[in-house]
PDB file of all heavy atoms in Angstrom:
ATOM      1  N   THR A   1     -31.176  -4.798 -48.205  1.00  0.00           N
ATOM      2  CA  THR A   1     -30.108  -3.817 -48.482  1.00  0.00           C
ATOM      3  C   THR A   1     -28.876  -4.538 -49.011  1.00  0.00           C
ATOM      4  O   THR A   1     -28.459  -5.558 -48.455  1.00  0.00           O
ATOM      5  CB  THR A   1     -29.762  -3.018 -47.208  1.00  0.00           C
ATOM      6  OG1 THR A   1     -30.916  -2.341 -46.739  1.00  0.00           O
ATOM      7  CG2 THR A   1     -28.646  -2.026 -47.489  1.00  0.00           C
ATOM      8  N   ARG A   2     -28.307  -4.014 -50.087  1.00  0.00           N
ATOM      9  CA  ARG A   2     -27.088  -4.558 -50.675  1.00  0.00           C
ATOM     10  C   ARG A   2     -26.027  -3.456 -50.794  1.00  0.00           C
ATOM     11  O   ARG A   2     -26.358  -2.290 -51.028  1.00  0.00           O
ATOM     12  CB  ARG A   2     -27.382  -5.136 -52.081  1.00  0.00           C
ATOM     13  CG  ARG A   2     -28.261  -6.367 -52.070  1.00  0.00           C
ATOM     14  CD  ARG A   2     -27.492  -7.589 -51.657  1.00  0.00           C
ATOM     15  NE  ARG A   2     -28.272  -8.808 -51.783  1.00  0.00           N
ATOM     16  CZ  ARG A   2     -28.964  -9.368 -50.806  1.00  0.00           C
ATOM     17  NH1 ARG A   2     -28.971  -8.791 -49.602  1.00  0.00           N
ATOM     18  NH2 ARG A   2     -29.649 -10.469 -50.996  1.00  0.00           N
ATOM     19  N   ARG A   3     -24.787  -3.861 -50.624  1.00  0.00           N
ATOM     20  CA  ARG A   3     -23.666  -2.932 -50.783  1.00  0.00           C
ATOM     21  C   ARG A   3     -23.246  -2.929 -52.251  1.00  0.00           C
ATOM     22  O   ARG A   3     -22.948  -3.978 -52.829  1.00  0.00           O
ATOM     23  CB  ARG A   3     -22.498  -3.336 -49.892  1.00  0.00           C
ATOM     24  CG  ARG A   3     -21.334  -2.328 -49.890  1.00  0.00           C
ATOM     25  CD  ARG A   3     -20.158  -2.893 -49.086  1.00  0.00           C
ATOM     26  NE  ARG A   3     -20.553  -3.156 -47.729  1.00  0.00           N
ATOM     27  CZ  ARG A   3     -20.501  -2.258 -46.745  1.00  0.00           C
ATOM     28  NH1 ARG A   3     -20.068  -1.038 -47.014  1.00  0.00           N
ATOM     29  NH2 ARG A   3     -20.848  -2.583 -45.514  1.00  0.00           N
ATOM     30  N   ILE A   4     -23.231  -1.734 -52.838  1.00  0.00           N
ATOM     31  CA  ILE A   4     -22.826  -1.578 -54.239  1.00  0.00           C
ATOM     32  C   ILE A   4     -21.441  -0.931 -54.252  1.00  0.00           C
ATOM     33  O   ILE A   4     -21.201   0.088 -53.581  1.00  0.00           O
ATOM     34  CB  ILE A   4     -23.817  -0.683 -55.015  1.00  0.00           C
ATOM     35  CG1 ILE A   4     -25.260  -1.179 -54.793  1.00  0.00           C
ATOM     36  CG2 ILE A   4     -23.469  -0.673 -56.495  1.00  0.00           C
ATOM     37  CD1 ILE A   4     -25.544  -2.543 -55.325  1.00  0.00           C
ATOM     38  N   ALA A   5     -20.513  -1.517 -55.004  1.00  0.00           N
ATOM     39  CA  ALA A   5     -19.136  -1.028 -55.076  1.00  0.00           C
ATOM     40  C   ALA A   5     -18.858  -0.390 -56.427  1.00  0.00           C
ATOM     41  O   ALA A   5     -19.319  -0.885 -57.469  1.00  0.00           O
ATOM     42  CB  ALA A   5     -18.157  -2.159 -54.809  1.00  0.00           C
ATOM     43  N   GLN A   6     -18.104   0.712 -56.403  1.00  0.00           N
ATOM     44  CA  GLN A   6     -17.651   1.368 -57.632  1.00  0.00           C
ATOM     45  C   GLN A   6     -16.139   1.427 -57.602  1.00  0.00           C
ATOM     46  O   GLN A   6     -15.546   2.083 -56.726  1.00  0.00           O
ATOM     47  CB  GLN A   6     -18.242   2.781 -57.718  1.00  0.00           C
ATOM     48  CG  GLN A   6     -17.755   3.587 -58.901  1.00  0.00           C
ATOM     49  CD  GLN A   6     -18.470   3.248 -60.189  1.00  0.00           C
ATOM     50  OE1 GLN A   6     -18.815   2.081 -60.411  1.00  0.00           O
ATOM     51  NE2 GLN A   6     -18.680   4.222 -61.041  1.00  0.00           N
ATOM     52  N   PRO A   7     -15.429   0.728 -58.525  1.00  0.00           N
ATOM     53  CA  PRO A   7     -13.957   0.738 -58.507  1.00  0.00           C
ATOM     54  C   PRO A   7     -13.397   2.152 -58.700  1.00  0.00           C
ATOM     55  O   PRO A   7     -13.979   2.982 -59.395  1.00  0.00           O
ATOM     56  CB  PRO A   7     -13.599  -0.166 -59.698  1.00  0.00           C
ATOM     57  CG  PRO A   7     -14.833  -0.987 -59.945  1.00  0.00           C
ATOM     58  CD  PRO A   7     -15.982  -0.117 -59.577  1.00  0.00           C
ATOM     59  N   HIS A   8     -12.271   2.398 -58.072  1.00  0.00           N
ATOM     60  CA  HIS A   8     -11.617   3.690 -58.211  1.00  0.00           C
ATOM     61  C   HIS A   8     -10.941   3.757 -59.571  1.00  0.00           C
ATOM     62  O   HIS A   8     -10.269   2.810 -60.006  1.00  0.00           O
ATOM     63  CB  HIS A   8     -10.573   3.877 -57.096  1.00  0.00           C
ATOM     64  CG  HIS A   8     -10.099   5.283 -56.963  1.00  0.00           C
ATOM     65  ND1 HIS A   8      -9.171   5.857 -57.803  1.00  0.00           N
ATOM     66  CD2 HIS A   8     -10.448   6.257 -56.064  1.00  0.00           C
ATOM     67  CE1 HIS A   8      -8.955   7.108 -57.451  1.00  0.00           C
ATOM     68  NE2 HIS A   8      -9.721   7.370 -56.377  1.00  0.00           N
ATOM     69  N   PRO A   9     -11.130   4.859 -60.309  1.00  0.00           N
ATOM     70  CA  PRO A   9     -10.551   4.919 -61.671  1.00  0.00           C
ATOM     71  C   PRO A   9      -9.023   4.833 -61.697  1.00  0.00           C
ATOM     72  O   PRO A   9      -8.443   4.436 -62.711  1.00  0.00           O
ATOM     73  CB  PRO A   9     -11.049   6.271 -62.198  1.00  0.00           C
ATOM     74  CG  PRO A   9     -11.404   7.064 -60.975  1.00  0.00           C
ATOM     75  CD  PRO A   9     -11.851   6.071 -59.955  1.00  0.00           C
ATOM     76  N   GLU A  10      -8.368   5.205 -60.601  1.00  0.00           N
ATOM     77  CA  GLU A  10      -6.891   5.183 -60.577  1.00  0.00           C
ATOM     78  C   GLU A  10      -6.356   4.037 -59.737  1.00  0.00           C
ATOM     79  O   GLU A  10      -5.195   4.049 -59.325  1.00  0.00           O
ATOM     80  CB  GLU A  10      -6.382   6.522 -60.032  1.00  0.00           C
ATOM     81  CG  GLU A  10      -6.766   7.708 -60.915  1.00  0.00           C
ATOM     82  CD  GLU A  10      -6.272   9.021 -60.348  1.00  0.00           C
ATOM     83  OE1 GLU A  10      -5.611   8.985 -59.289  1.00  0.00           O
ATOM     84  OE2 GLU A  10      -6.536  10.065 -60.973  1.00  0.00           O
ATOM     85  N   GLY A  11      -7.198   3.045 -59.453  1.00  0.00           N
ATOM     86  CA  GLY A  11      -6.748   1.871 -58.738  1.00  0.00           C
ATOM     87  C   GLY A  11      -6.781   1.998 -57.238  1.00  0.00           C
ATOM     88  O   GLY A  11      -6.249   1.124 -56.532  1.00  0.00           O
ATOM     89  N   GLY A  12      -7.382   3.060 -56.726  1.00  0.00           N
ATOM     90  CA  GLY A  12      -7.474   3.227 -55.274  1.00  0.00           C
ATOM     91  C   GLY A  12      -8.603   2.387 -54.697  1.00  0.00           C
ATOM     92  O   GLY A  12      -9.156   1.489 -55.341  1.00  0.00           O
ATOM     93  N   ALA A  13      -8.926   2.684 -53.448  1.00  0.00           N
ATOM     94  CA  ALA A  13      -9.985   1.940 -52.762  1.00  0.00           C
ATOM     95  C   ALA A  13     -11.327   2.217 -53.433  1.00  0.00           C
ATOM     96  O   ALA A  13     -11.638   3.366 -53.772  1.00  0.00           O
ATOM     97  CB  ALA A  13     -10.036   2.348 -51.286  1.00  0.00           C
ATOM     98  N   PRO A  14     -12.154   1.176 -53.619  1.00  0.00           N
ATOM     99  CA  PRO A  14     -13.460   1.384 -54.262  1.00  0.00           C
ATOM    100  C   PRO A  14     -14.399   2.192 -53.366  1.00  0.00           C
ATOM    101  O   PRO A  14     -14.255   2.209 -52.139  1.00  0.00           O
ATOM    102  CB  PRO A  14     -13.981  -0.046 -54.468  1.00  0.00           C
ATOM    103  CG  PRO A  14     -13.281  -0.861 -53.447  1.00  0.00           C
ATOM    104  CD  PRO A  14     -11.923  -0.228 -53.253  1.00  0.00           C
ATOM    105  N   THR A  15     -15.353   2.837 -53.997  1.00  0.00           N
ATOM    106  CA  THR A  15     -16.384   3.596 -53.280  1.00  0.00           C
ATOM    107  C   THR A  15     -17.612   2.711 -53.117  1.00  0.00           C
ATOM    108  O   THR A  15     -17.961   1.930 -54.010  1.00  0.00           O
ATOM    109  CB  THR A  15     -16.780   4.864 -54.072  1.00  0.00           C
ATOM    110  OG1 THR A  15     -15.596   5.591 -54.399  1.00  0.00           O
ATOM    111  CG2 THR A  15     -17.725   5.742 -53.269  1.00  0.00           C
ATOM    112  N   HIS A  16     -18.279   2.830 -51.943  1.00  0.00           N
ATOM    113  CA  HIS A  16     -19.447   2.002 -51.686  1.00  0.00           C
ATOM    114  C   HIS A  16     -20.662   2.854 -51.380  1.00  0.00           C
ATOM    115  O   HIS A  16     -20.552   3.995 -50.898  1.00  0.00           O
ATOM    116  CB  HIS A  16     -19.188   1.051 -50.499  1.00  0.00           C
ATOM    117  CG  HIS A  16     -18.123   0.033 -50.744  1.00  0.00           C
ATOM    118  ND1 HIS A  16     -16.792   0.264 -50.471  1.00  0.00           N
ATOM    119  CD2 HIS A  16     -18.202  -1.226 -51.263  1.00  0.00           C
ATOM    120  CE1 HIS A  16     -16.080  -0.794 -50.793  1.00  0.00           C
ATOM    121  NE2 HIS A  16     -16.912  -1.733 -51.273  1.00  0.00           N
ATOM    122  N   LEU A  17     -21.816   2.273 -51.656  1.00  0.00           N
ATOM    123  CA  LEU A  17     -23.087   2.844 -51.205  1.00  0.00           C
ATOM    124  C   LEU A  17     -24.028   1.703 -50.876  1.00  0.00           C
ATOM    125  O   LEU A  17     -23.818   0.563 -51.305  1.00  0.00           O
ATOM    126  CB  LEU A  17     -23.691   3.800 -52.231  1.00  0.00           C
ATOM    127  CG  LEU A  17     -24.085   3.286 -53.637  1.00  0.00           C
ATOM    128  CD1 LEU A  17     -25.415   2.556 -53.640  1.00  0.00           C
ATOM    129  CD2 LEU A  17     -24.151   4.445 -54.622  1.00  0.00           C
ATOM    130  N   LEU A  18     -25.071   1.993 -50.098  1.00  0.00           N
ATOM    131  CA  LEU A  18     -26.073   1.000 -49.727  1.00  0.00           C
ATOM    132  C   LEU A  18     -27.348   1.252 -50.526  1.00  0.00           C
ATOM    133  O   LEU A  18     -27.859   2.379 -50.561  1.00  0.00           O
ATOM    134  CB  LEU A  18     -26.376   1.067 -48.228  1.00  0.00           C
ATOM    135  CG  LEU A  18     -25.198   0.781 -47.288  1.00  0.00           C
ATOM    136  CD1 LEU A  18     -25.646   0.911 -45.841  1.00  0.00           C
ATOM    137  CD2 LEU A  18     -24.609  -0.587 -47.559  1.00  0.00           C
ATOM    138  N   LEU A  19     -27.847   0.196 -51.152  1.00  0.00           N
ATOM    139  CA  LEU A  19     -29.068   0.290 -51.962  1.00  0.00           C
ATOM    140  C   LEU A  19     -30.115  -0.642 -51.350  1.00  0.00           C
ATOM    141  O   LEU A  19     -29.855  -1.839 -51.177  1.00  0.00           O
ATOM    142  CB  LEU A  19     -28.771  -0.103 -53.419  1.00  0.00           C
ATOM    143  CG  LEU A  19     -29.919   0.060 -54.410  1.00  0.00           C
ATOM    144  CD1 LEU A  19     -30.408   1.501 -54.470  1.00  0.00           C
ATOM    145  CD2 LEU A  19     -29.488  -0.415 -55.804  1.00  0.00           C
ATOM    146  N   THR A  20     -31.284  -0.091 -51.027  1.00  0.00           N
ATOM    147  CA  THR A  20     -32.335  -0.853 -50.358  1.00  0.00           C
ATOM    148  C   THR A  20     -33.531  -1.027 -51.277  1.00  0.00           C
ATOM    149  O   THR A  20     -33.998  -0.072 -51.905  1.00  0.00           O
ATOM    150  CB  THR A  20     -32.781  -0.139 -49.062  1.00  0.00           C
ATOM    151  OG1 THR A  20     -31.667  -0.030 -48.188  1.00  0.00           O
ATOM    152  CG2 THR A  20     -33.889  -0.910 -48.374  1.00  0.00           C
ATOM    153  N   ASP A  21     -34.024  -2.249 -51.349  1.00  0.00           N
ATOM    154  CA  ASP A  21     -35.254  -2.584 -52.087  1.00  0.00           C
ATOM    155  C   ASP A  21     -36.389  -2.684 -51.060  1.00  0.00           C
ATOM    156  O   ASP A  21     -36.253  -3.392 -50.061  1.00  0.00           O
ATOM    157  CB  ASP A  21     -35.087  -3.901 -52.840  1.00  0.00           C
ATOM    158  CG  ASP A  21     -36.361  -4.342 -53.538  1.00  0.00           C
ATOM    159  OD1 ASP A  21     -37.162  -3.472 -53.908  1.00  0.00           O
ATOM    160  OD2 ASP A  21     -36.553  -5.578 -53.695  1.00  0.00           O
ATOM    161  N   THR A  22     -37.484  -1.986 -51.307  1.00  0.00           N
ATOM    162  CA  THR A  22     -38.599  -1.968 -50.345  1.00  0.00           C
ATOM    163  C   THR A  22     -39.862  -2.510 -50.987  1.00  0.00           C
ATOM    164  O   THR A  22     -39.908  -2.789 -52.196  1.00  0.00           O
ATOM    165  CB  THR A  22     -38.865  -0.540 -49.841  1.00  0.00           C
ATOM    166  OG1 THR A  22     -39.154   0.308 -50.955  1.00  0.00           O
ATOM    167  CG2 THR A  22     -37.667  -0.004 -49.101  1.00  0.00           C
ATOM    168  N   VAL A  23     -40.896  -2.646 -50.167  1.00  0.00           N
ATOM    169  CA  VAL A  23     -42.174  -3.168 -50.634  1.00  0.00           C
ATOM    170  C   VAL A  23     -42.763  -2.233 -51.694  1.00  0.00           C
ATOM    171  O   VAL A  23     -42.611  -1.015 -51.623  1.00  0.00           O
ATOM    172  CB  VAL A  23     -43.154  -3.317 -49.443  1.00  0.00           C
ATOM    173  CG1 VAL A  23     -43.442  -1.969 -48.795  1.00  0.00           C
ATOM    174  CG2 VAL A  23     -44.461  -3.970 -49.879  1.00  0.00           C
ATOM    175  N   GLY A  24     -43.394  -2.811 -52.690  1.00  0.00           N
ATOM    176  CA  GLY A  24     -43.988  -2.011 -53.761  1.00  0.00           C
ATOM    177  C   GLY A  24     -45.265  -1.306 -53.335  1.00  0.00           C
ATOM    178  O   GLY A  24     -45.952  -1.723 -52.390  1.00  0.00           O
ATOM    179  N   PHE A  25     -45.596  -0.212 -54.028  1.00  0.00           N
ATOM    180  CA  PHE A  25     -46.816   0.529 -53.769  1.00  0.00           C
ATOM    181  C   PHE A  25     -47.904   0.080 -54.728  1.00  0.00           C
ATOM    182  O   PHE A  25     -47.632  -0.559 -55.752  1.00  0.00           O
ATOM    183  CB  PHE A  25     -46.585   2.032 -53.920  1.00  0.00           C
ATOM    184  CG  PHE A  25     -45.612   2.606 -52.932  1.00  0.00           C
ATOM    185  CD1 PHE A  25     -44.964   3.801 -53.192  1.00  0.00           C
ATOM    186  CD2 PHE A  25     -45.326   1.953 -51.754  1.00  0.00           C
ATOM    187  CE1 PHE A  25     -44.066   4.345 -52.288  1.00  0.00           C
ATOM    188  CE2 PHE A  25     -44.425   2.476 -50.825  1.00  0.00           C
ATOM    189  CZ  PHE A  25     -43.800   3.672 -51.117  1.00  0.00           C
ATOM    190  N   ILE A  26     -49.139   0.466 -54.418  1.00  0.00           N
ATOM    191  CA  ILE A  26     -50.257   0.204 -55.307  1.00  0.00           C
ATOM    192  C   ILE A  26     -51.330   1.238 -55.033  1.00  0.00           C
ATOM    193  O   ILE A  26     -51.380   1.841 -53.956  1.00  0.00           O
ATOM    194  CB  ILE A  26     -50.825  -1.228 -55.112  1.00  0.00           C
ATOM    195  CG1 ILE A  26     -51.695  -1.642 -56.307  1.00  0.00           C
ATOM    196  CG2 ILE A  26     -51.611  -1.349 -53.811  1.00  0.00           C
ATOM    197  CD1 ILE A  26     -52.064  -3.122 -56.330  1.00  0.00           C
ATOM    198  N   ARG A  27     -52.185   1.446 -56.014  1.00  0.00           N
ATOM    199  CA  ARG A  27     -53.293   2.402 -55.865  1.00  0.00           C
ATOM    200  C   ARG A  27     -54.194   2.008 -54.691  1.00  0.00           C
ATOM    201  O   ARG A  27     -54.517   0.846 -54.527  1.00  0.00           O
ATOM    202  CB  ARG A  27     -54.078   2.435 -57.175  1.00  0.00           C
ATOM    203  CG  ARG A  27     -55.342   3.265 -57.168  1.00  0.00           C
ATOM    204  CD  ARG A  27     -56.013   3.187 -58.538  1.00  0.00           C
ATOM    205  NE  ARG A  27     -56.325   1.804 -58.900  1.00  0.00           N
ATOM    206  CZ  ARG A  27     -57.451   1.171 -58.552  1.00  0.00           C
ATOM    207  NH1 ARG A  27     -58.347   1.778 -57.797  1.00  0.00           N
ATOM    208  NH2 ARG A  27     -57.662  -0.076 -58.939  1.00  0.00           N
ATOM    209  N   ASP A  28     -54.614   2.997 -53.918  1.00  0.00           N
ATOM    210  CA  ASP A  28     -55.522   2.767 -52.790  1.00  0.00           C
ATOM    211  C   ASP A  28     -54.988   1.689 -51.847  1.00  0.00           C
ATOM    212  O   ASP A  28     -55.673   0.726 -51.509  1.00  0.00           O
ATOM    213  CB  ASP A  28     -56.932   2.374 -53.282  1.00  0.00           C
ATOM    214  CG  ASP A  28     -57.569   3.468 -54.122  1.00  0.00           C
ATOM    215  OD1 ASP A  28     -57.260   4.632 -53.888  1.00  0.00           O
ATOM    216  OD2 ASP A  28     -58.383   3.131 -55.018  1.00  0.00           O
TER     217      ASP A  28
END
């Protein structure tokens, strides 16, 4: 899991979200 930041367009506090990378899937 990594924290992704988005700067505020008017110079305010940035917005954050958590993005998680998981194990890949495969057929059967």
